[in-house]
């Protein structure tokens, strides 16, 4: 069973590589690029090869079937 991680956006979107680093799933940008190039990343259930893919509220990212990141927006108060 995959470990679920909730990630709250403070901006309208985040790039895929930035998300992988921000969540700690990849330690460096190079490691994040490698994960995408090796087809280890799914976005909303589909293999994602675009490193700069813009992720938004509601997107679900799967890394190696071990981690699921659910993206939500922070509601301004």
PDB file of N, CA and C in Angstrom:
ATOM      1  N   UNK A   1       0.841  -1.188   0.000  1.00  0.00           N
ATOM      2  CA  UNK A   1       0.000   0.000   0.000  1.00  0.00           C
ATOM      3  C   UNK A   1       0.878   1.240   0.000  1.00  0.00           C
ATOM      4  N   UNK A   2       0.538   2.193  -0.832  1.00  0.00           N
ATOM      5  CA  UNK A   2       1.342   3.404  -0.987  1.00  0.00           C
ATOM      6  C   UNK A   2       1.143   4.352   0.198  1.00  0.00           C
ATOM      7  N   UNK A   3       2.230   5.005   0.574  1.00  0.00           N
ATOM      8  CA  UNK A   3       2.158   6.043   1.605  1.00  0.00           C
ATOM      9  C   UNK A   3       1.569   7.295   0.975  1.00  0.00           C
ATOM     10  N   UNK A   4       0.547   7.881   1.632  1.00  0.00           N
ATOM     11  CA  UNK A   4      -0.092   9.080   1.088  1.00  0.00           C
ATOM     12  C   UNK A   4       0.472  10.331   1.737  1.00  0.00           C
ATOM     13  N   UNK A   5       0.722  11.334   0.894  1.00  0.00           N
ATOM     14  CA  UNK A   5       1.261  12.610   1.329  1.00  0.00           C
ATOM     15  C   UNK A   5       0.325  13.700   0.824  1.00  0.00           C
ATOM     16  N   UNK A   6      -0.101  14.582   1.719  1.00  0.00           N
ATOM     17  CA  UNK A   6      -0.926  15.725   1.317  1.00  0.00           C
ATOM     18  C   UNK A   6       0.005  16.914   1.085  1.00  0.00           C
ATOM     19  N   UNK A   7      -0.188  17.610  -0.022  1.00  0.00           N
ATOM     20  CA  UNK A   7       0.631  18.779  -0.343  1.00  0.00           C
ATOM     21  C   UNK A   7      -0.299  19.942  -0.642  1.00  0.00           C
ATOM     22  N   UNK A   8      -0.141  21.037   0.081  1.00  0.00           N
ATOM     23  CA  UNK A   8      -0.999  22.213  -0.102  1.00  0.00           C
ATOM     24  C   UNK A   8      -0.277  23.265  -0.938  1.00  0.00           C
ATOM     25  N   UNK A   9      -0.923  23.689  -2.008  1.00  0.00           N
ATOM     26  CA  UNK A   9      -0.378  24.733  -2.882  1.00  0.00           C
ATOM     27  C   UNK A   9      -0.668  26.106  -2.309  1.00  0.00           C
ATOM     28  N   UNK A  10       0.316  26.974  -2.397  1.00  0.00           N
ATOM     29  CA  UNK A  10       0.112  28.378  -2.011  1.00  0.00           C
ATOM     30  C   UNK A  10       0.060  29.259  -3.254  1.00  0.00           C
ATOM     31  N   UNK A  11       0.319  28.651  -4.395  1.00  0.00           N
ATOM     32  CA  UNK A  11       0.273  29.326  -5.690  1.00  0.00           C
ATOM     33  C   UNK A  11      -0.669  28.526  -6.590  1.00  0.00           C
ATOM     34  N   UNK A  12      -1.033  29.027  -7.759  1.00  0.00           N
ATOM     35  CA  UNK A  12      -1.965  28.297  -8.622  1.00  0.00           C
ATOM     36  C   UNK A  12      -1.447  26.946  -9.100  1.00  0.00           C
ATOM     37  N   UNK A  13      -0.119  26.796  -9.195  1.00  0.00           N
ATOM     38  CA  UNK A  13       0.440  25.528  -9.679  1.00  0.00           C
ATOM     39  C   UNK A  13       1.865  25.356  -9.160  1.00  0.00           C
ATOM     40  N   UNK A  14       2.418  24.149  -9.372  1.00  0.00           N
ATOM     41  CA  UNK A  14       3.806  23.842  -9.069  1.00  0.00           C
ATOM     42  C   UNK A  14       4.304  22.887 -10.141  1.00  0.00           C
ATOM     43  N   UNK A  15       5.562  23.050 -10.543  1.00  0.00           N
ATOM     44  CA  UNK A  15       6.153  22.137 -11.520  1.00  0.00           C
ATOM     45  C   UNK A  15       6.379  20.771 -10.881  1.00  0.00           C
ATOM     46  N   UNK A  16       6.317  19.740 -11.691  1.00  0.00           N
ATOM     47  CA  UNK A  16       6.503  18.372 -11.215  1.00  0.00           C
ATOM     48  C   UNK A  16       7.835  18.198 -10.490  1.00  0.00           C
ATOM     49  N   UNK A  17       8.929  18.682 -11.081  1.00  0.00           N
ATOM     50  CA  UNK A  17      10.239  18.530 -10.444  1.00  0.00           C
ATOM     51  C   UNK A  17      10.282  19.247  -9.099  1.00  0.00           C
ATOM     52  N   UNK A  18       9.689  20.441  -9.034  1.00  0.00           N
ATOM     53  CA  UNK A  18       9.654  21.191  -7.772  1.00  0.00           C
ATOM     54  C   UNK A  18       8.877  20.424  -6.706  1.00  0.00           C
ATOM     55  N   UNK A  19       7.784  19.798  -7.101  1.00  0.00           N
ATOM     56  CA  UNK A  19       6.979  19.033  -6.147  1.00  0.00           C
ATOM     57  C   UNK A  19       7.762  17.842  -5.597  1.00  0.00           C
ATOM     58  N   UNK A  20       8.437  17.126  -6.479  1.00  0.00           N
ATOM     59  CA  UNK A  20       9.204  15.962  -6.029  1.00  0.00           C
ATOM     60  C   UNK A  20      10.272  16.360  -5.020  1.00  0.00           C
ATOM     61  N   UNK A  21      10.882  17.532  -5.212  1.00  0.00           N
ATOM     62  CA  UNK A  21      11.875  18.022  -4.256  1.00  0.00           C
ATOM     63  C   UNK A  21      11.208  18.549  -2.991  1.00  0.00           C
ATOM     64  N   UNK A  22      10.125  19.310  -3.135  1.00  0.00           N
ATOM     65  CA  UNK A  22       9.450  19.924  -1.982  1.00  0.00           C
ATOM     66  C   UNK A  22       8.882  18.888  -1.015  1.00  0.00           C
ATOM     67  N   UNK A  23       8.465  17.755  -1.533  1.00  0.00           N
ATOM     68  CA  UNK A  23       7.914  16.702  -0.678  1.00  0.00           C
ATOM     69  C   UNK A  23       8.998  15.813  -0.082  1.00  0.00           C
ATOM     70  N   UNK A  24      10.234  15.975  -0.559  1.00  0.00           N
ATOM     71  CA  UNK A  24      11.333  15.156  -0.065  1.00  0.00           C
ATOM     72  C   UNK A  24      11.415  13.788  -0.726  1.00  0.00           C
ATOM     73  N   UNK A  25      10.581  13.552  -1.736  1.00  0.00           N
ATOM     74  CA  UNK A  25      10.629  12.273  -2.435  1.00  0.00           C
ATOM     75  C   UNK A  25      11.895  12.152  -3.276  1.00  0.00           C
ATOM     76  N   UNK A  26      12.424  13.278  -3.715  1.00  0.00           N
ATOM     77  CA  UNK A  26      13.705  13.332  -4.429  1.00  0.00           C
ATOM     78  C   UNK A  26      14.556  14.396  -3.744  1.00  0.00           C
ATOM     79  N   UNK A  27      15.806  14.063  -3.483  1.00  0.00           N
ATOM     80  CA  UNK A  27      16.693  14.969  -2.747  1.00  0.00           C
ATOM     81  C   UNK A  27      17.215  16.119  -3.601  1.00  0.00           C
ATOM     82  N   UNK A  28      17.349  15.879  -4.903  1.00  0.00           N
ATOM     83  CA  UNK A  28      17.912  16.900  -5.791  1.00  0.00           C
ATOM     84  C   UNK A  28      17.093  17.005  -7.073  1.00  0.00           C
ATOM     85  N   UNK A  29      17.342  18.082  -7.808  1.00  0.00           N
ATOM     86  CA  UNK A  29      16.689  18.233  -9.103  1.00  0.00           C
ATOM     87  C   UNK A  29      17.102  17.140 -10.064  1.00  0.00           C
ATOM     88  N   UNK A  30      18.364  16.734  -9.986  1.00  0.00           N
ATOM     89  CA  UNK A  30      18.853  15.658 -10.854  1.00  0.00           C
ATOM     90  C   UNK A  30      18.150  14.343 -10.573  1.00  0.00           C
ATOM     91  N   UNK A  31      17.934  14.065  -9.295  1.00  0.00           N
ATOM     92  CA  UNK A  31      17.223  12.840  -8.926  1.00  0.00           C
ATOM     93  C   UNK A  31      15.774  12.895  -9.409  1.00  0.00           C
ATOM     94  N   UNK A  32      15.156  14.062  -9.309  1.00  0.00           N
ATOM     95  CA  UNK A  32      13.774  14.235  -9.772  1.00  0.00           C
ATOM     96  C   UNK A  32      13.692  14.045 -11.287  1.00  0.00           C
ATOM     97  N   UNK A  33      14.645  14.634 -12.030  1.00  0.00           N
ATOM     98  CA  UNK A  33      14.671  14.466 -13.492  1.00  0.00           C
ATOM     99  C   UNK A  33      14.811  12.995 -13.856  1.00  0.00           C
ATOM    100  N   UNK A  34      15.703  12.303 -13.169  1.00  0.00           N
ATOM    101  CA  UNK A  34      15.935  10.898 -13.442  1.00  0.00           C
ATOM    102  C   UNK A  34      14.659  10.082 -13.212  1.00  0.00           C
ATOM    103  N   UNK A  35      13.939  10.370 -12.122  1.00  0.00           N
ATOM    104  CA  UNK A  35      12.699   9.641 -11.818  1.00  0.00           C
ATOM    105  C   UNK A  35      11.686   9.803 -12.952  1.00  0.00           C
ATOM    106  N   UNK A  36      11.581  11.025 -13.490  1.00  0.00           N
ATOM    107  CA  UNK A  36      10.642  11.281 -14.587  1.00  0.00           C
ATOM    108  C   UNK A  36      11.124  10.584 -15.861  1.00  0.00           C
ATOM    109  N   UNK A  37      12.408  10.723 -16.181  1.00  0.00           N
ATOM    110  CA  UNK A  37      12.955  10.110 -17.395  1.00  0.00           C
ATOM    111  C   UNK A  37      12.834   8.590 -17.375  1.00  0.00           C
ATOM    112  N   UNK A  38      12.928   7.990 -16.204  1.00  0.00           N
ATOM    113  CA  UNK A  38      12.833   6.540 -16.067  1.00  0.00           C
ATOM    114  C   UNK A  38      11.382   6.047 -15.983  1.00  0.00           C
ATOM    115  N   UNK A  39      10.436   6.958 -16.225  1.00  0.00           N
ATOM    116  CA  UNK A  39       9.000   6.652 -16.236  1.00  0.00           C
ATOM    117  C   UNK A  39       8.528   6.073 -14.900  1.00  0.00           C
ATOM    118  N   UNK A  40       9.058   6.624 -13.804  1.00  0.00           N
ATOM    119  CA  UNK A  40       8.691   6.176 -12.461  1.00  0.00           C
ATOM    120  C   UNK A  40       7.569   7.020 -11.861  1.00  0.00           C
ATOM    121  N   UNK A  41       7.137   8.067 -12.584  1.00  0.00           N
ATOM    122  CA  UNK A  41       6.159   9.014 -12.048  1.00  0.00           C
ATOM    123  C   UNK A  41       4.860   8.951 -12.848  1.00  0.00           C
ATOM    124  N   UNK A  42       3.750   8.816 -12.139  1.00  0.00           N
ATOM    125  CA  UNK A  42       2.423   8.892 -12.751  1.00  0.00           C
ATOM    126  C   UNK A  42       1.731  10.147 -12.237  1.00  0.00           C
ATOM    127  N   UNK A  43       1.029  10.832 -13.122  1.00  0.00           N
ATOM    128  CA  UNK A  43       0.187  11.960 -12.729  1.00  0.00           C
ATOM    129  C   UNK A  43      -1.230  11.596 -13.122  1.00  0.00           C
ATOM    130  N   UNK A  44      -2.091  11.544 -12.135  1.00  0.00           N
ATOM    131  CA  UNK A  44      -3.491  11.169 -12.357  1.00  0.00           C
ATOM    132  C   UNK A  44      -3.607   9.832 -13.089  1.00  0.00           C
ATOM    133  N   UNK A  45      -2.718   8.896 -12.719  1.00  0.00           N
ATOM    134  CA  UNK A  45      -2.781   7.543 -13.245  1.00  0.00           C
ATOM    135  C   UNK A  45      -2.086   7.304 -14.575  1.00  0.00           C
ATOM    136  N   UNK A  46      -1.461   8.342 -15.162  1.00  0.00           N
ATOM    137  CA  UNK A  46      -0.787   8.199 -16.450  1.00  0.00           C
ATOM    138  C   UNK A  46       0.684   8.553 -16.328  1.00  0.00           C
ATOM    139  N   UNK A  47       1.534   7.795 -17.011  1.00  0.00           N
ATOM    140  CA  UNK A  47       2.970   8.076 -16.998  1.00  0.00           C
ATOM    141  C   UNK A  47       3.210   9.496 -17.486  1.00  0.00           C
ATOM    142  N   UNK A  48       4.024  10.242 -16.728  1.00  0.00           N
ATOM    143  CA  UNK A  48       4.304  11.639 -17.075  1.00  0.00           C
ATOM    144  C   UNK A  48       5.774  11.800 -17.420  1.00  0.00           C
ATOM    145  N   UNK A  49       6.057  12.286 -18.623  1.00  0.00           N
ATOM    146  CA  UNK A  49       7.430  12.494 -19.079  1.00  0.00           C
ATOM    147  C   UNK A  49       7.811  13.968 -19.135  1.00  0.00           C
ATOM    148  N   UNK A  50       6.846  14.864 -18.882  1.00  0.00           N
ATOM    149  CA  UNK A  50       7.131  16.307 -18.909  1.00  0.00           C
ATOM    150  C   UNK A  50       7.632  16.743 -17.531  1.00  0.00           C
ATOM    151  N   UNK A  51       8.887  17.120 -17.465  1.00  0.00           N
ATOM    152  CA  UNK A  51       9.485  17.505 -16.183  1.00  0.00           C
ATOM    153  C   UNK A  51       8.878  18.795 -15.633  1.00  0.00           C
ATOM    154  N   UNK A  52       8.451  19.653 -16.512  1.00  0.00           N
ATOM    155  CA  UNK A  52       7.888  20.946 -16.090  1.00  0.00           C
ATOM    156  C   UNK A  52       6.357  20.926 -16.052  1.00  0.00           C
ATOM    157  N   UNK A  53       5.774  19.743 -16.037  1.00  0.00           N
ATOM    158  CA  UNK A  53       4.312  19.619 -15.975  1.00  0.00           C
ATOM    159  C   UNK A  53       3.784  20.468 -14.835  1.00  0.00           C
ATOM    160  N   UNK A  54       2.805  21.307 -15.112  1.00  0.00           N
ATOM    161  CA  UNK A  54       2.183  22.152 -14.095  1.00  0.00           C
ATOM    162  C   UNK A  54       1.142  21.322 -13.345  1.00  0.00           C
ATOM    163  N   UNK A  55       1.307  21.215 -12.055  1.00  0.00           N
ATOM    164  CA  UNK A  55       0.377  20.465 -11.214  1.00  0.00           C
ATOM    165  C   UNK A  55      -0.522  21.442 -10.486  1.00  0.00           C
ATOM    166  N   UNK A  56      -1.789  21.068 -10.370  1.00  0.00           N
ATOM    167  CA  UNK A  56      -2.786  21.957  -9.771  1.00  0.00           C
ATOM    168  C   UNK A  56      -3.632  21.203  -8.750  1.00  0.00           C
ATOM    169  N   UNK A  57      -4.504  21.937  -8.106  1.00  0.00           N
ATOM    170  CA  UNK A  57      -5.425  21.385  -7.118  1.00  0.00           C
ATOM    171  C   UNK A  57      -6.128  20.151  -7.684  1.00  0.00           C
ATOM    172  N   UNK A  58      -6.106  19.062  -6.940  1.00  0.00           N
ATOM    173  CA  UNK A  58      -6.794  17.841  -7.347  1.00  0.00           C
ATOM    174  C   UNK A  58      -5.906  16.816  -8.033  1.00  0.00           C
ATOM    175  N   UNK A  59      -4.712  17.209  -8.475  1.00  0.00           N
ATOM    176  CA  UNK A  59      -3.815  16.252  -9.121  1.00  0.00           C
ATOM    177  C   UNK A  59      -3.274  15.252  -8.100  1.00  0.00           C
ATOM    178  N   UNK A  60      -3.025  14.030  -8.562  1.00  0.00           N
ATOM    179  CA  UNK A  60      -2.461  12.971  -7.727  1.00  0.00           C
ATOM    180  C   UNK A  60      -1.210  12.448  -8.415  1.00  0.00           C
ATOM    181  N   UNK A  61      -0.103  12.461  -7.686  1.00  0.00           N
ATOM    182  CA  UNK A  61       1.179  12.033  -8.222  1.00  0.00           C
ATOM    183  C   UNK A  61       1.586  10.744  -7.533  1.00  0.00           C
ATOM    184  N   UNK A  62       2.005   9.765  -8.314  1.00  0.00           N
ATOM    185  CA  UNK A  62       2.424   8.454  -7.807  1.00  0.00           C
ATOM    186  C   UNK A  62       3.888   8.260  -8.175  1.00  0.00           C
ATOM    187  N   UNK A  63       4.731   7.986  -7.183  1.00  0.00           N
ATOM    188  CA  UNK A  63       6.139   7.699  -7.428  1.00  0.00           C
ATOM    189  C   UNK A  63       6.409   6.251  -7.081  1.00  0.00           C
ATOM    190  N   UNK A  64       6.748   5.472  -8.084  1.00  0.00           N
ATOM    191  CA  UNK A  64       7.118   4.058  -7.922  1.00  0.00           C
ATOM    192  C   UNK A  64       6.031   3.194  -7.288  1.00  0.00           C
ATOM    193  N   UNK A  65       4.805   3.666  -7.253  1.00  0.00           N
ATOM    194  CA  UNK A  65       3.743   2.900  -6.611  1.00  0.00           C
ATOM    195  C   UNK A  65       3.890   2.860  -5.098  1.00  0.00           C
ATOM    196  N   UNK A  66       4.862   3.597  -4.559  1.00  0.00           N
ATOM    197  CA  UNK A  66       5.124   3.601  -3.121  1.00  0.00           C
ATOM    198  C   UNK A  66       4.625   4.851  -2.412  1.00  0.00           C
ATOM    199  N   UNK A  67       4.539   5.955  -3.162  1.00  0.00           N
ATOM    200  CA  UNK A  67       4.119   7.222  -2.574  1.00  0.00           C
ATOM    201  C   UNK A  67       3.052   7.868  -3.443  1.00  0.00           C
ATOM    202  N   UNK A  68       1.979   8.349  -2.817  1.00  0.00           N
ATOM    203  CA  UNK A  68       0.929   9.095  -3.506  1.00  0.00           C
ATOM    204  C   UNK A  68       0.890  10.491  -2.912  1.00  0.00           C
ATOM    205  N   UNK A  69       1.023  11.496  -3.765  1.00  0.00           N
ATOM    206  CA  UNK A  69       0.938  12.884  -3.313  1.00  0.00           C
ATOM    207  C   UNK A  69      -0.363  13.452  -3.842  1.00  0.00           C
ATOM    208  N   UNK A  70      -1.200  13.918  -2.933  1.00  0.00           N
ATOM    209  CA  UNK A  70      -2.473  14.553  -3.309  1.00  0.00           C
ATOM    210  C   UNK A  70      -2.314  16.058  -3.121  1.00  0.00           C
ATOM    211  N   UNK A  71      -2.597  16.793  -4.194  1.00  0.00           N
ATOM    212  CA  UNK A  71      -2.410  18.243  -4.176  1.00  0.00           C
ATOM    213  C   UNK A  71      -3.737  18.930  -3.896  1.00  0.00           C
ATOM    214  N   UNK A  72      -3.682  19.900  -3.004  1.00  0.00           N
ATOM    215  CA  UNK A  72      -4.854  20.728  -2.725  1.00  0.00           C
ATOM    216  C   UNK A  72      -4.408  22.180  -2.620  1.00  0.00           C
ATOM    217  N   UNK A  73      -5.340  23.079  -2.785  1.00  0.00           N
ATOM    218  CA  UNK A  73      -5.042  24.505  -2.672  1.00  0.00           C
ATOM    219  C   UNK A  73      -5.272  24.956  -1.245  1.00  0.00           C
ATOM    220  N   UNK A  74      -4.446  25.906  -0.811  1.00  0.00           N
ATOM    221  CA  UNK A  74      -4.647  26.518   0.495  1.00  0.00           C
ATOM    222  C   UNK A  74      -5.719  27.579   0.305  1.00  0.00           C
ATOM    223  N   UNK A  75      -6.753  27.524   1.128  1.00  0.00           N
ATOM    224  CA  UNK A  75      -7.793  28.548   1.038  1.00  0.00           C
ATOM    225  C   UNK A  75      -7.332  29.807   1.740  1.00  0.00           C
ATOM    226  N   UNK A  76      -7.363  30.961   1.029  1.00  0.00           N
ATOM    227  CA  UNK A  76      -6.933  32.216   1.673  1.00  0.00           C
ATOM    228  C   UNK A  76      -7.882  32.576   2.818  1.00  0.00           C
ATOM    229  N   UNK A  77      -7.312  33.080   3.874  1.00  0.00           N
ATOM    230  CA  UNK A  77      -8.144  33.486   5.035  1.00  0.00           C
ATOM    231  C   UNK A  77      -8.074  34.946   5.272  1.00  0.00           C
TER     232      UNK A  77
END
